[in-house]
Amino acid sequence: MKNLMIYMDPSKSWEVDKDRILAEIQIENCHYFWKSKDIIMITNFPYEYRGFKATVIEDTSWLPTEYVTIFNNVWRFFGFFLLPYLIKRGYLNDDLIYGHDLDAYQVHDLDLPPLDRDLGLVDYGFASKINLGNVFFKPHKVLDIFRMIGEYMLKWKINEEEVLVKLQKDNVNNINSRFRKLNITYNIGSRHVPRNVNYAEKPIKVAHFQAWYPEKMKEFKPYLPERLYKLLYEKFAHLY
């Protein structure tokens, strides 16, 4: 399994300094659980931190021209256009990929059970809607699904999570048989935390929250290893 993180911006730089800090935190934290060769960070500008180098993708052919107009050139929802590009060109060729947002922090060994479908997804816990901030996928199996999500994003002019809601509702192309819903432990988000923790398999595997807010740090502190809590606090203390 490979650990995948992506940061692309039209400016070819960190949009805000907070994003740069998140990347540093991820690199330090991921190396606690993963070997360097199993960590992939994709950017569209050169980036290096503590000897770890991002893979730079300067080509923009993966981004449809319609996207710029529909989403006002905000690259927040670009993932399901870039992922097929990365898969087709061999950047993602492992049997299983763990892709996640920069503010989704691994707090324990993932210990993922054998995935019997092409995708492993986690809902919001308090709602059945899928949270695409954490995705486990088999790159050699999901190309058609990722392309379909991108196609309907342009057609319906909505983001990827809203597209997935509609695809699930009508079971378009039998999509519901292609993914396995995983326990909330793999993506404890920042809303309804006590409820989600109550239903999560222990120990919690991933905490997904805005650590630059002191109230969120306080709420998540009981679920974080001390070393990660200290790292987050040190990196974001100037914002508190």
C-alpha atoms as a PDB file:
ATOM      1  CA  MET A   1       0.000   0.000   0.000  1.00  0.00           C
ATOM      2  CA  LYS A   2       1.137   3.531  -0.787  1.00  0.00           C
ATOM      3  CA  ASN A   3       0.276   6.732   1.076  1.00  0.00           C
ATOM      4  CA  LEU A   4      -0.855   9.441  -1.360  1.00  0.00           C
ATOM      5  CA  MET A   5      -1.210  13.180  -0.794  1.00  0.00           C
ATOM      6  CA  ILE A   6      -1.895  15.777  -3.469  1.00  0.00           C
ATOM      7  CA  TYR A   7      -1.505  19.544  -3.477  1.00  0.00           C
ATOM      8  CA  MET A   8      -2.001  21.417  -6.742  1.00  0.00           C
ATOM      9  CA  ASP A   9      -2.760  25.117  -7.155  1.00  0.00           C
ATOM     10  CA  PRO A  10      -3.045  27.382 -10.225  1.00  0.00           C
ATOM     11  CA  SER A  11      -0.395  29.668  -8.690  1.00  0.00           C
ATOM     12  CA  LYS A  12       2.091  26.760  -8.583  1.00  0.00           C
ATOM     13  CA  SER A  13       2.791  27.508  -4.931  1.00  0.00           C
ATOM     14  CA  TRP A  14       1.197  27.168  -1.510  1.00  0.00           C
ATOM     15  CA  GLU A  15      -2.050  29.135  -1.644  1.00  0.00           C
ATOM     16  CA  VAL A  16      -1.698  30.017   2.045  1.00  0.00           C
ATOM     17  CA  ASP A  17       1.113  29.369   4.523  1.00  0.00           C
ATOM     18  CA  LYS A  18      -1.164  27.035   6.507  1.00  0.00           C
ATOM     19  CA  ASP A  19      -1.045  24.567   3.612  1.00  0.00           C
ATOM     20  CA  ARG A  20       2.758  24.511   3.683  1.00  0.00           C
ATOM     21  CA  ILE A  21       2.658  23.793   7.417  1.00  0.00           C
ATOM     22  CA  LEU A  22       0.185  20.957   6.851  1.00  0.00           C
ATOM     23  CA  ALA A  23       2.547  19.388   4.319  1.00  0.00           C
ATOM     24  CA  GLU A  24       5.419  19.528   6.819  1.00  0.00           C
ATOM     25  CA  ILE A  25       3.272  17.932   9.514  1.00  0.00           C
ATOM     26  CA  GLN A  26       2.171  15.173   7.154  1.00  0.00           C
ATOM     27  CA  ILE A  27       5.703  14.361   6.075  1.00  0.00           C
ATOM     28  CA  GLU A  28       6.908  14.136   9.681  1.00  0.00           C
ATOM     29  CA  ASN A  29       3.888  12.146  10.837  1.00  0.00           C
ATOM     30  CA  CYS A  30       3.749   9.797   7.842  1.00  0.00           C
ATOM     31  CA  HIS A  31       7.390   8.829   8.319  1.00  0.00           C
ATOM     32  CA  TYR A  32       6.428   7.521  11.738  1.00  0.00           C
ATOM     33  CA  PHE A  33       4.231   4.866  10.050  1.00  0.00           C
ATOM     34  CA  TRP A  34       5.556   4.537   6.495  1.00  0.00           C
ATOM     35  CA  LYS A  35       8.826   4.039   4.658  1.00  0.00           C
ATOM     36  CA  SER A  36       9.837   6.961   2.437  1.00  0.00           C
ATOM     37  CA  LYS A  37       9.419   4.855  -0.696  1.00  0.00           C
ATOM     38  CA  ASP A  38       5.764   4.285   0.184  1.00  0.00           C
ATOM     39  CA  ILE A  39       4.878   7.976   0.603  1.00  0.00           C
ATOM     40  CA  ILE A  40       3.809   9.912  -2.489  1.00  0.00           C
ATOM     41  CA  MET A  41       3.186  13.646  -2.488  1.00  0.00           C
ATOM     42  CA  ILE A  42       2.077  15.158  -5.792  1.00  0.00           C
ATOM     43  CA  THR A  43       2.521  18.896  -6.398  1.00  0.00           C
ATOM     44  CA  ASN A  44       2.703  21.163  -9.437  1.00  0.00           C
ATOM     45  CA  PHE A  45       5.773  22.986  -8.086  1.00  0.00           C
ATOM     46  CA  PRO A  46       9.090  21.782  -6.634  1.00  0.00           C
ATOM     47  CA  TYR A  47       8.823  20.961  -2.947  1.00  0.00           C
ATOM     48  CA  GLU A  48      11.237  19.340  -0.517  1.00  0.00           C
ATOM     49  CA  TYR A  49      11.157  18.971   3.254  1.00  0.00           C
ATOM     50  CA  ARG A  50      13.687  17.168   5.401  1.00  0.00           C
ATOM     51  CA  GLY A  51      15.044  15.271   2.428  1.00  0.00           C
ATOM     52  CA  PHE A  52      11.631  14.176   1.158  1.00  0.00           C
ATOM     53  CA  LYS A  53      10.832  15.404  -2.353  1.00  0.00           C
ATOM     54  CA  ALA A  54       7.409  15.757  -3.903  1.00  0.00           C
ATOM     55  CA  THR A  55       6.654  14.379  -7.357  1.00  0.00           C
ATOM     56  CA  VAL A  56       6.078  17.383  -9.623  1.00  0.00           C
ATOM     57  CA  ILE A  57       3.378  17.290 -12.305  1.00  0.00           C
ATOM     58  CA  GLU A  58       3.609  20.435 -14.423  1.00  0.00           C
ATOM     59  CA  ASP A  59       1.404  19.209 -17.264  1.00  0.00           C
ATOM     60  CA  THR A  60      -2.161  20.574 -16.968  1.00  0.00           C
ATOM     61  CA  SER A  61      -3.739  18.487 -19.734  1.00  0.00           C
ATOM     62  CA  TRP A  62      -5.606  16.479 -17.080  1.00  0.00           C
ATOM     63  CA  LEU A  63      -7.781  19.475 -16.144  1.00  0.00           C
ATOM     64  CA  PRO A  64     -10.775  19.940 -18.499  1.00  0.00           C
ATOM     65  CA  THR A  65     -11.235  23.465 -19.832  1.00  0.00           C
ATOM     66  CA  GLU A  66     -14.849  23.423 -18.593  1.00  0.00           C
ATOM     67  CA  TYR A  67     -13.642  22.991 -15.021  1.00  0.00           C
ATOM     68  CA  VAL A  68     -12.199  26.505 -14.887  1.00  0.00           C
ATOM     69  CA  THR A  69     -15.571  28.047 -15.680  1.00  0.00           C
ATOM     70  CA  ILE A  70     -17.775  25.704 -13.664  1.00  0.00           C
ATOM     71  CA  PHE A  71     -15.668  25.862 -10.488  1.00  0.00           C
ATOM     72  CA  ASN A  72     -14.381  29.419 -10.936  1.00  0.00           C
ATOM     73  CA  ASN A  73     -10.814  28.128 -11.356  1.00  0.00           C
ATOM     74  CA  VAL A  74     -10.770  26.978  -7.739  1.00  0.00           C
ATOM     75  CA  TRP A  75      -8.774  23.737  -7.754  1.00  0.00           C
ATOM     76  CA  ARG A  76     -10.392  22.335  -4.627  1.00  0.00           C
ATOM     77  CA  PHE A  77     -12.380  19.721  -6.563  1.00  0.00           C
ATOM     78  CA  PHE A  78      -9.756  18.596  -9.082  1.00  0.00           C
ATOM     79  CA  GLY A  79      -8.893  15.189  -7.593  1.00  0.00           C
ATOM     80  CA  PHE A  80     -11.015  12.971  -9.819  1.00  0.00           C
ATOM     81  CA  PHE A  81      -9.578  14.604 -12.924  1.00  0.00           C
ATOM     82  CA  LEU A  82      -5.958  14.268 -11.820  1.00  0.00           C
ATOM     83  CA  LEU A  83      -6.192  10.717 -10.455  1.00  0.00           C
ATOM     84  CA  PRO A  84      -6.973   9.066 -13.835  1.00  0.00           C
ATOM     85  CA  TYR A  85      -3.991  10.948 -15.283  1.00  0.00           C
ATOM     86  CA  LEU A  86      -1.715   9.642 -12.528  1.00  0.00           C
ATOM     87  CA  ILE A  87      -2.997   6.088 -12.915  1.00  0.00           C
ATOM     88  CA  LYS A  88      -2.700   5.998 -16.712  1.00  0.00           C
ATOM     89  CA  ARG A  89       0.866   7.325 -16.593  1.00  0.00           C
ATOM     90  CA  GLY A  90       2.038   4.863 -13.976  1.00  0.00           C
ATOM     91  CA  TYR A  91       2.494   7.174 -11.012  1.00  0.00           C
ATOM     92  CA  LEU A  92       0.073   5.030  -9.005  1.00  0.00           C
ATOM     93  CA  ASN A  93       0.747   1.382  -9.709  1.00  0.00           C
ATOM     94  CA  ASP A  94       0.673  -0.295  -6.301  1.00  0.00           C
ATOM     95  CA  ASP A  95      -2.051  -2.814  -5.493  1.00  0.00           C
ATOM     96  CA  LEU A  96      -3.658  -0.410  -3.019  1.00  0.00           C
ATOM     97  CA  ILE A  97      -3.453   3.355  -2.507  1.00  0.00           C
ATOM     98  CA  TYR A  98      -4.428   5.305   0.603  1.00  0.00           C
ATOM     99  CA  GLY A  99      -5.251   8.848  -0.491  1.00  0.00           C
ATOM    100  CA  HIS A 100      -6.084  11.531   2.039  1.00  0.00           C
ATOM    101  CA  ASP A 101      -6.383  15.260   2.685  1.00  0.00           C
ATOM    102  CA  LEU A 102      -3.475  17.110   4.260  1.00  0.00           C
ATOM    103  CA  ASP A 103      -5.498  17.674   7.440  1.00  0.00           C
ATOM    104  CA  ALA A 104      -6.274  13.968   7.899  1.00  0.00           C
ATOM    105  CA  TYR A 105      -3.675  12.708  10.377  1.00  0.00           C
ATOM    106  CA  GLN A 106      -2.870   9.049  10.840  1.00  0.00           C
ATOM    107  CA  VAL A 107      -2.734   8.307  14.571  1.00  0.00           C
ATOM    108  CA  HIS A 108      -2.297   4.521  14.570  1.00  0.00           C
ATOM    109  CA  ASP A 109      -1.277   1.710  12.235  1.00  0.00           C
ATOM    110  CA  LEU A 110      -4.068   1.435   9.686  1.00  0.00           C
ATOM    111  CA  ASP A 111      -4.447  -2.348   9.951  1.00  0.00           C
ATOM    112  CA  LEU A 112      -6.879  -2.273   7.040  1.00  0.00           C
ATOM    113  CA  PRO A 113      -8.712  -5.571   6.566  1.00  0.00           C
ATOM    114  CA  PRO A 114      -8.386  -7.163   3.104  1.00  0.00           C
ATOM    115  CA  LEU A 115     -10.362  -4.962   0.722  1.00  0.00           C
ATOM    116  CA  ASP A 116     -12.740  -7.169  -1.243  1.00  0.00           C
ATOM    117  CA  ARG A 117     -13.925  -4.381  -3.543  1.00  0.00           C
ATOM    118  CA  ASP A 118     -12.284  -1.732  -5.704  1.00  0.00           C
ATOM    119  CA  LEU A 119     -12.764   1.137  -3.252  1.00  0.00           C
ATOM    120  CA  GLY A 120     -12.839   1.516   0.514  1.00  0.00           C
ATOM    121  CA  LEU A 121     -14.818   4.584   1.585  1.00  0.00           C
ATOM    122  CA  VAL A 122     -15.847   6.133   4.894  1.00  0.00           C
ATOM    123  CA  ASP A 123     -19.030   8.089   5.560  1.00  0.00           C
ATOM    124  CA  TYR A 124     -19.412  11.075   7.881  1.00  0.00           C
ATOM    125  CA  GLY A 125     -20.600   8.897  10.750  1.00  0.00           C
ATOM    126  CA  PHE A 126     -23.472  11.182  11.711  1.00  0.00           C
ATOM    127  CA  ALA A 127     -24.695  10.924   8.088  1.00  0.00           C
ATOM    128  CA  SER A 128     -24.513   8.263   5.386  1.00  0.00           C
ATOM    129  CA  LYS A 129     -22.861  10.658   2.916  1.00  0.00           C
ATOM    130  CA  ILE A 130     -19.352   9.568   1.924  1.00  0.00           C
ATOM    131  CA  ASN A 131     -16.451  11.747   3.058  1.00  0.00           C
ATOM    132  CA  LEU A 132     -13.922  11.646   0.228  1.00  0.00           C
ATOM    133  CA  GLY A 133     -11.186  13.158   2.386  1.00  0.00           C
ATOM    134  CA  ASN A 134      -9.899   9.585   2.885  1.00  0.00           C
ATOM    135  CA  VAL A 135     -10.052   6.994   0.117  1.00  0.00           C
ATOM    136  CA  PHE A 136      -8.561   3.533  -0.250  1.00  0.00           C
ATOM    137  CA  PHE A 137      -8.493   2.380  -3.864  1.00  0.00           C
ATOM    138  CA  LYS A 138      -7.041  -0.163  -6.242  1.00  0.00           C
ATOM    139  CA  PRO A 139      -5.652   1.964  -9.100  1.00  0.00           C
ATOM    140  CA  HIS A 140      -5.812  -0.827 -11.686  1.00  0.00           C
ATOM    141  CA  LYS A 141      -9.540  -1.261 -10.963  1.00  0.00           C
ATOM    142  CA  VAL A 142     -11.015   2.215 -10.444  1.00  0.00           C
ATOM    143  CA  LEU A 143     -10.138   4.156 -13.588  1.00  0.00           C
ATOM    144  CA  ASP A 144     -13.697   3.937 -14.918  1.00  0.00           C
ATOM    145  CA  ILE A 145     -15.187   5.048 -11.584  1.00  0.00           C
ATOM    146  CA  PHE A 146     -12.910   8.062 -11.252  1.00  0.00           C
ATOM    147  CA  ARG A 147     -13.582   9.100 -14.831  1.00  0.00           C
ATOM    148  CA  MET A 148     -17.325   8.743 -14.287  1.00  0.00           C
ATOM    149  CA  ILE A 149     -17.223  10.959 -11.201  1.00  0.00           C
ATOM    150  CA  GLY A 150     -15.310  13.631 -13.124  1.00  0.00           C
ATOM    151  CA  GLU A 151     -17.722  13.405 -16.055  1.00  0.00           C
ATOM    152  CA  TYR A 152     -20.757  13.951 -13.851  1.00  0.00           C
ATOM    153  CA  MET A 153     -19.064  16.774 -11.942  1.00  0.00           C
ATOM    154  CA  LEU A 154     -18.922  18.689 -15.207  1.00  0.00           C
ATOM    155  CA  LYS A 155     -22.384  17.597 -16.325  1.00  0.00           C
ATOM    156  CA  TRP A 156     -24.173  18.382 -13.065  1.00  0.00           C
ATOM    157  CA  LYS A 157     -21.859  21.231 -11.981  1.00  0.00           C
ATOM    158  CA  ILE A 158     -21.487  19.909  -8.437  1.00  0.00           C
ATOM    159  CA  ASN A 159     -18.539  18.646  -6.404  1.00  0.00           C
ATOM    160  CA  GLU A 160     -17.387  15.048  -6.183  1.00  0.00           C
ATOM    161  CA  GLU A 161     -19.139  14.172  -2.922  1.00  0.00           C
ATOM    162  CA  GLU A 162     -22.481  15.433  -4.205  1.00  0.00           C
ATOM    163  CA  VAL A 163     -21.946  13.493  -7.430  1.00  0.00           C
ATOM    164  CA  LEU A 164     -21.322  10.317  -5.458  1.00  0.00           C
ATOM    165  CA  VAL A 165     -24.567  10.824  -3.519  1.00  0.00           C
ATOM    166  CA  LYS A 166     -26.515  10.876  -6.783  1.00  0.00           C
ATOM    167  CA  LEU A 167     -24.614   7.971  -8.296  1.00  0.00           C
ATOM    168  CA  GLN A 168     -25.283   5.878  -5.194  1.00  0.00           C
ATOM    169  CA  LYS A 169     -28.964   6.777  -5.108  1.00  0.00           C
ATOM    170  CA  ASP A 170     -29.547   5.495  -8.639  1.00  0.00           C
ATOM    171  CA  ASN A 171     -26.745   2.905  -8.491  1.00  0.00           C
ATOM    172  CA  VAL A 172     -25.374   4.229 -11.774  1.00  0.00           C
ATOM    173  CA  ASN A 173     -23.264   1.589 -13.528  1.00  0.00           C
ATOM    174  CA  ASN A 174     -23.738  -0.591 -10.460  1.00  0.00           C
ATOM    175  CA  ILE A 175     -21.380   1.652  -8.499  1.00  0.00           C
ATOM    176  CA  ASN A 176     -22.680   0.457  -5.127  1.00  0.00           C
ATOM    177  CA  SER A 177     -21.158  -2.968  -5.732  1.00  0.00           C
ATOM    178  CA  ARG A 178     -17.739  -1.420  -6.379  1.00  0.00           C
ATOM    179  CA  PHE A 179     -16.994  -0.010  -2.953  1.00  0.00           C
ATOM    180  CA  ARG A 180     -16.914  -1.241   0.623  1.00  0.00           C
ATOM    181  CA  LYS A 181     -17.971   1.143   3.358  1.00  0.00           C
ATOM    182  CA  LEU A 182     -15.321   1.130   6.080  1.00  0.00           C
ATOM    183  CA  ASN A 183     -15.654   1.870   9.772  1.00  0.00           C
ATOM    184  CA  ILE A 184     -15.542   5.528  10.839  1.00  0.00           C
ATOM    185  CA  THR A 185     -12.233   4.836  12.621  1.00  0.00           C
ATOM    186  CA  TYR A 186     -10.504   5.462   9.277  1.00  0.00           C
ATOM    187  CA  ASN A 187     -11.748   9.058   9.136  1.00  0.00           C
ATOM    188  CA  ILE A 188     -12.944  10.689  12.364  1.00  0.00           C
ATOM    189  CA  GLY A 189     -13.988  14.131  11.140  1.00  0.00           C
ATOM    190  CA  SER A 190     -14.417  17.385  13.006  1.00  0.00           C
ATOM    191  CA  ARG A 191     -18.207  17.244  13.460  1.00  0.00           C
ATOM    192  CA  HIS A 192     -20.081  15.177  16.080  1.00  0.00           C
ATOM    193  CA  VAL A 193     -16.753  13.840  17.331  1.00  0.00           C
ATOM    194  CA  PRO A 194     -17.960  12.053  20.529  1.00  0.00           C
ATOM    195  CA  ARG A 195     -20.691  10.259  18.597  1.00  0.00           C
ATOM    196  CA  ASN A 196     -18.320   9.128  15.863  1.00  0.00           C
ATOM    197  CA  VAL A 197     -15.663   8.032  18.343  1.00  0.00           C
ATOM    198  CA  ASN A 198     -18.305   5.982  20.157  1.00  0.00           C
ATOM    199  CA  TYR A 199     -19.021   4.002  16.970  1.00  0.00           C
ATOM    200  CA  ALA A 200     -15.403   3.756  15.859  1.00  0.00           C
ATOM    201  CA  GLU A 201     -13.334   0.614  16.086  1.00  0.00           C
ATOM    202  CA  LYS A 202     -10.531   1.170  18.564  1.00  0.00           C
ATOM    203  CA  PRO A 203      -7.867   2.299  18.430  1.00  0.00           C
ATOM    204  CA  ILE A 204      -8.809   5.215  16.201  1.00  0.00           C
ATOM    205  CA  LYS A 205      -6.786   5.209  13.007  1.00  0.00           C
ATOM    206  CA  VAL A 206      -7.271   8.682  11.442  1.00  0.00           C
ATOM    207  CA  ALA A 207      -8.210  12.061  12.947  1.00  0.00           C
ATOM    208  CA  HIS A 208      -9.381  14.539  10.313  1.00  0.00           C
ATOM    209  CA  PHE A 209      -9.703  18.043  11.718  1.00  0.00           C
ATOM    210  CA  GLN A 210      -8.531  21.659  11.554  1.00  0.00           C
ATOM    211  CA  ALA A 211      -5.662  21.674  14.036  1.00  0.00           C
ATOM    212  CA  TRP A 212      -5.106  25.421  13.562  1.00  0.00           C
ATOM    213  CA  TYR A 213      -8.240  26.016  15.676  1.00  0.00           C
ATOM    214  CA  PRO A 214      -7.466  25.695  19.411  1.00  0.00           C
ATOM    215  CA  GLU A 215     -10.967  24.432  20.207  1.00  0.00           C
ATOM    216  CA  LYS A 216     -10.498  21.552  17.772  1.00  0.00           C
ATOM    217  CA  MET A 217      -7.097  20.731  19.228  1.00  0.00           C
ATOM    218  CA  LYS A 218      -8.684  20.534  22.658  1.00  0.00           C
ATOM    219  CA  GLU A 219     -11.478  18.289  21.376  1.00  0.00           C
ATOM    220  CA  PHE A 220      -9.146  15.872  19.601  1.00  0.00           C
ATOM    221  CA  LYS A 221      -6.348  15.815  22.178  1.00  0.00           C
ATOM    222  CA  PRO A 222      -7.619  12.619  23.901  1.00  0.00           C
ATOM    223  CA  TYR A 223      -7.372  10.717  20.609  1.00  0.00           C
ATOM    224  CA  LEU A 224      -3.910  11.874  19.494  1.00  0.00           C
ATOM    225  CA  PRO A 225      -0.517  10.400  20.369  1.00  0.00           C
ATOM    226  CA  GLU A 226       1.442  12.848  22.502  1.00  0.00           C
ATOM    227  CA  ARG A 227       4.132  13.251  19.832  1.00  0.00           C
ATOM    228  CA  LEU A 228       1.539  14.237  17.196  1.00  0.00           C
ATOM    229  CA  TYR A 229      -0.249  16.608  19.559  1.00  0.00           C
ATOM    230  CA  LYS A 230       3.068  18.340  20.292  1.00  0.00           C
ATOM    231  CA  LEU A 231       3.921  18.534  16.588  1.00  0.00           C
ATOM    232  CA  LEU A 232       0.563  20.078  15.715  1.00  0.00           C
ATOM    233  CA  TYR A 233       0.753  22.508  18.611  1.00  0.00           C
ATOM    234  CA  GLU A 234       4.287  23.615  17.750  1.00  0.00           C
ATOM    235  CA  LYS A 235       3.449  24.142  14.088  1.00  0.00           C
ATOM    236  CA  PHE A 236       0.204  26.048  14.671  1.00  0.00           C
ATOM    237  CA  ALA A 237       0.914  27.823  17.990  1.00  0.00           C
ATOM    238  CA  HIS A 238       1.392  31.149  16.180  1.00  0.00           C
ATOM    239  CA  LEU A 239      -2.223  30.954  14.989  1.00  0.00           C
ATOM    240  CA  TYR A 240      -3.776  30.350  18.402  1.00  0.00           C
END
